[in-house]
Amino acid sequence: MAKPGLDGHDRGAKTITRALRDHGFEVIYTGLHQTPEQIAETALQEDVDAVGLSLLSGAHLTLFPRVMEELRNRGLGDTLVFGGGVIPDADARTLKEQGVTEVFGPGSSLKAISSWLEATLDHREDEA
């Protein structure tokens, strides 16, 4: 889980981190104010299966694609990227068109997010 950019609100990211951990995932939370380069480098160093991005600042159309670009630059273009925050539906559609696997808005069920991630990663593993 990562908080790209200058967004200083991390309650949601911490809540998702805890929910995913409680669901059985090994979760690394990078903390606040991470650059796309820092997020991608952590993903590389930690050999992650997925990167979750939490953003409330409104810069999602800029920062999410930059994180994905940095992942590709490090040979991690197949890494599952999902996100959440206050993201308008039209922007969520745009992000999905750009390769973000899923976008969760306010009020999304923690159980549903955890189950979605588990099923999506299992499906990817079955295809490999």
C-alpha atoms as a PDB file:
ATOM      1  CA  MET A   1       0.000   0.000   0.000  1.00  0.00           C
ATOM      2  CA  ALA A   2       1.283   3.411  -0.906  1.00  0.00           C
ATOM      3  CA  LYS A   3       0.288   7.051  -0.617  1.00  0.00           C
ATOM      4  CA  PRO A   4       1.665   8.827  -3.690  1.00  0.00           C
ATOM      5  CA  GLY A   5       2.162  12.569  -3.817  1.00  0.00           C
ATOM      6  CA  LEU A   6       1.426  15.168  -1.206  1.00  0.00           C
ATOM      7  CA  ASP A   7      -1.799  13.680   0.128  1.00  0.00           C
ATOM      8  CA  GLY A   8      -1.445  13.651   3.914  1.00  0.00           C
ATOM      9  CA  HIS A   9      -4.546  11.614   4.745  1.00  0.00           C
ATOM     10  CA  ASP A  10      -3.595   8.028   5.492  1.00  0.00           C
ATOM     11  CA  ARG A  11      -6.418   6.684   7.631  1.00  0.00           C
ATOM     12  CA  GLY A  12      -7.936   4.818   4.662  1.00  0.00           C
ATOM     13  CA  ALA A  13      -4.589   3.360   3.613  1.00  0.00           C
ATOM     14  CA  LYS A  14      -3.928   2.167   7.141  1.00  0.00           C
ATOM     15  CA  THR A  15      -7.419   0.672   7.362  1.00  0.00           C
ATOM     16  CA  ILE A  16      -6.963  -1.227   4.084  1.00  0.00           C
ATOM     17  CA  THR A  17      -3.484  -2.340   5.138  1.00  0.00           C
ATOM     18  CA  ARG A  18      -4.862  -3.781   8.365  1.00  0.00           C
ATOM     19  CA  ALA A  19      -7.823  -5.441   6.605  1.00  0.00           C
ATOM     20  CA  LEU A  20      -5.570  -7.092   4.025  1.00  0.00           C
ATOM     21  CA  ARG A  21      -3.182  -8.249   6.752  1.00  0.00           C
ATOM     22  CA  ASP A  22      -6.068  -9.674   8.753  1.00  0.00           C
ATOM     23  CA  HIS A  23      -7.211 -11.493   5.597  1.00  0.00           C
ATOM     24  CA  GLY A  24      -3.820 -13.224   5.442  1.00  0.00           C
ATOM     25  CA  PHE A  25      -1.814 -11.041   3.077  1.00  0.00           C
ATOM     26  CA  GLU A  26       1.707  -9.886   3.770  1.00  0.00           C
ATOM     27  CA  VAL A  27       1.342  -6.118   3.454  1.00  0.00           C
ATOM     28  CA  ILE A  28       3.951  -3.383   3.245  1.00  0.00           C
ATOM     29  CA  TYR A  29       2.753   0.169   3.821  1.00  0.00           C
ATOM     30  CA  THR A  30       5.222   2.704   2.428  1.00  0.00           C
ATOM     31  CA  GLY A  31       3.844   5.666   4.350  1.00  0.00           C
ATOM     32  CA  LEU A  32       2.958   9.185   3.293  1.00  0.00           C
ATOM     33  CA  HIS A  33       4.388  11.383   0.551  1.00  0.00           C
ATOM     34  CA  GLN A  34       5.880   8.698  -1.667  1.00  0.00           C
ATOM     35  CA  THR A  35       7.058   9.478  -5.186  1.00  0.00           C
ATOM     36  CA  PRO A  36       6.105   7.119  -8.014  1.00  0.00           C
ATOM     37  CA  GLU A  37       9.791   6.169  -8.202  1.00  0.00           C
ATOM     38  CA  GLN A  38       9.901   5.276  -4.499  1.00  0.00           C
ATOM     39  CA  ILE A  39       6.730   3.197  -4.782  1.00  0.00           C
ATOM     40  CA  ALA A  40       8.015   1.267  -7.796  1.00  0.00           C
ATOM     41  CA  GLU A  41      11.419   0.730  -6.197  1.00  0.00           C
ATOM     42  CA  THR A  42       9.782  -0.656  -3.045  1.00  0.00           C
ATOM     43  CA  ALA A  43       7.676  -2.960  -5.222  1.00  0.00           C
ATOM     44  CA  LEU A  44      10.842  -4.183  -6.918  1.00  0.00           C
ATOM     45  CA  GLN A  45      12.820  -4.653  -3.711  1.00  0.00           C
ATOM     46  CA  GLU A  46       9.969  -6.425  -1.928  1.00  0.00           C
ATOM     47  CA  ASP A  47       8.958  -8.571  -4.948  1.00  0.00           C
ATOM     48  CA  VAL A  48       5.279  -7.680  -4.576  1.00  0.00           C
ATOM     49  CA  ASP A  49       2.325  -9.228  -6.385  1.00  0.00           C
ATOM     50  CA  ALA A  50       0.200  -6.088  -6.200  1.00  0.00           C
ATOM     51  CA  VAL A  51       0.461  -2.373  -5.503  1.00  0.00           C
ATOM     52  CA  GLY A  52      -2.414  -0.590  -3.811  1.00  0.00           C
ATOM     53  CA  LEU A  53      -2.556   3.191  -4.147  1.00  0.00           C
ATOM     54  CA  SER A  54      -4.620   5.417  -1.898  1.00  0.00           C
ATOM     55  CA  LEU A  55      -5.173   9.003  -2.923  1.00  0.00           C
ATOM     56  CA  LEU A  56      -7.514  11.753  -1.805  1.00  0.00           C
ATOM     57  CA  SER A  57      -5.743  14.797  -3.271  1.00  0.00           C
ATOM     58  CA  GLY A  58      -7.339  14.615  -6.707  1.00  0.00           C
ATOM     59  CA  ALA A  59      -4.060  13.900  -8.506  1.00  0.00           C
ATOM     60  CA  HIS A  60      -4.975  10.285  -9.326  1.00  0.00           C
ATOM     61  CA  LEU A  61      -4.997  10.835 -13.116  1.00  0.00           C
ATOM     62  CA  THR A  62      -1.406  12.035 -12.878  1.00  0.00           C
ATOM     63  CA  LEU A  63       0.074   9.879 -10.119  1.00  0.00           C
ATOM     64  CA  PHE A  64      -1.474   6.457 -10.822  1.00  0.00           C
ATOM     65  CA  PRO A  65      -0.163   6.392 -14.426  1.00  0.00           C
ATOM     66  CA  ARG A  66       3.256   7.605 -13.238  1.00  0.00           C
ATOM     67  CA  VAL A  67       3.452   4.750 -10.726  1.00  0.00           C
ATOM     68  CA  MET A  68       2.531   2.296 -13.472  1.00  0.00           C
ATOM     69  CA  GLU A  69       5.173   3.795 -15.766  1.00  0.00           C
ATOM     70  CA  GLU A  70       7.814   3.437 -13.053  1.00  0.00           C
ATOM     71  CA  LEU A  71       6.765  -0.182 -12.494  1.00  0.00           C
ATOM     72  CA  ARG A  72       7.186  -0.859 -16.241  1.00  0.00           C
ATOM     73  CA  ASN A  73      10.593   0.864 -16.175  1.00  0.00           C
ATOM     74  CA  ARG A  74      11.670  -1.707 -13.590  1.00  0.00           C
ATOM     75  CA  GLY A  75      10.297  -4.702 -15.475  1.00  0.00           C
ATOM     76  CA  LEU A  76       7.204  -4.903 -13.257  1.00  0.00           C
ATOM     77  CA  GLY A  77       4.581  -4.095 -15.867  1.00  0.00           C
ATOM     78  CA  ASP A  78       2.594  -7.210 -14.935  1.00  0.00           C
ATOM     79  CA  THR A  79       2.194  -6.102 -11.313  1.00  0.00           C
ATOM     80  CA  LEU A  80      -1.461  -5.759 -10.359  1.00  0.00           C
ATOM     81  CA  VAL A  81      -2.253  -2.128  -9.505  1.00  0.00           C
ATOM     82  CA  PHE A  82      -5.433  -1.176  -7.668  1.00  0.00           C
ATOM     83  CA  GLY A  83      -6.458   2.012  -5.996  1.00  0.00           C
ATOM     84  CA  GLY A  84      -8.892   3.830  -3.856  1.00  0.00           C
ATOM     85  CA  GLY A  85      -9.914   7.202  -2.623  1.00  0.00           C
ATOM     86  CA  VAL A  86     -12.343   9.871  -3.667  1.00  0.00           C
ATOM     87  CA  ILE A  87     -12.148   9.201  -7.400  1.00  0.00           C
ATOM     88  CA  PRO A  88     -15.039  10.177  -9.687  1.00  0.00           C
ATOM     89  CA  ASP A  89     -16.550   7.337 -11.736  1.00  0.00           C
ATOM     90  CA  ALA A  90     -15.373   8.846 -15.028  1.00  0.00           C
ATOM     91  CA  ASP A  91     -11.809   9.051 -13.708  1.00  0.00           C
ATOM     92  CA  ALA A  92     -12.023   5.475 -12.400  1.00  0.00           C
ATOM     93  CA  ARG A  93     -13.000   4.334 -15.905  1.00  0.00           C
ATOM     94  CA  THR A  94     -10.049   6.256 -17.367  1.00  0.00           C
ATOM     95  CA  LEU A  95      -7.659   4.670 -14.854  1.00  0.00           C
ATOM     96  CA  LYS A  96      -8.976   1.203 -15.702  1.00  0.00           C
ATOM     97  CA  GLU A  97      -8.476   1.920 -19.407  1.00  0.00           C
ATOM     98  CA  GLN A  98      -4.864   2.788 -18.521  1.00  0.00           C
ATOM     99  CA  GLY A  99      -4.328  -0.538 -16.767  1.00  0.00           C
ATOM    100  CA  VAL A 100      -5.393  -0.010 -13.153  1.00  0.00           C
ATOM    101  CA  THR A 101      -7.144  -3.276 -12.310  1.00  0.00           C
ATOM    102  CA  GLU A 102      -9.748  -1.899  -9.911  1.00  0.00           C
ATOM    103  CA  VAL A 103     -10.689   1.330  -8.153  1.00  0.00           C
ATOM    104  CA  PHE A 104     -12.519   1.319  -4.824  1.00  0.00           C
ATOM    105  CA  GLY A 105     -14.414   4.335  -3.588  1.00  0.00           C
ATOM    106  CA  PRO A 106     -15.457   5.512  -0.150  1.00  0.00           C
ATOM    107  CA  GLY A 107     -17.636   3.007   1.655  1.00  0.00           C
ATOM    108  CA  SER A 108     -16.201  -0.019  -0.159  1.00  0.00           C
ATOM    109  CA  SER A 109     -16.400  -3.104   2.003  1.00  0.00           C
ATOM    110  CA  LEU A 110     -13.063  -4.153   3.486  1.00  0.00           C
ATOM    111  CA  LYS A 111     -14.108  -7.789   3.161  1.00  0.00           C
ATOM    112  CA  ALA A 112     -15.045  -7.257  -0.490  1.00  0.00           C
ATOM    113  CA  ILE A 113     -11.691  -5.589  -1.234  1.00  0.00           C
ATOM    114  CA  SER A 114      -9.760  -8.384   0.483  1.00  0.00           C
ATOM    115  CA  SER A 115     -11.791 -11.089  -1.259  1.00  0.00           C
ATOM    116  CA  TRP A 116     -11.410  -9.328  -4.621  1.00  0.00           C
ATOM    117  CA  LEU A 117      -7.635  -9.143  -4.228  1.00  0.00           C
ATOM    118  CA  GLU A 118      -7.389 -12.782  -3.217  1.00  0.00           C
ATOM    119  CA  ALA A 119      -9.535 -13.946  -6.140  1.00  0.00           C
ATOM    120  CA  THR A 120      -7.728 -11.731  -8.638  1.00  0.00           C
ATOM    121  CA  LEU A 121      -4.271 -12.890  -7.548  1.00  0.00           C
ATOM    122  CA  ASP A 122      -5.429 -16.539  -7.509  1.00  0.00           C
ATOM    123  CA  HIS A 123      -6.812 -16.148 -11.031  1.00  0.00           C
ATOM    124  CA  ARG A 124      -3.530 -14.647 -12.251  1.00  0.00           C
ATOM    125  CA  GLU A 125      -1.614 -17.510 -10.647  1.00  0.00           C
ATOM    126  CA  ASP A 126      -3.893 -20.082 -12.312  1.00  0.00           C
ATOM    127  CA  GLU A 127      -3.257 -18.459 -15.702  1.00  0.00           C
ATOM    128  CA  ALA A 128       0.518 -18.502 -15.260  1.00  0.00           C
END
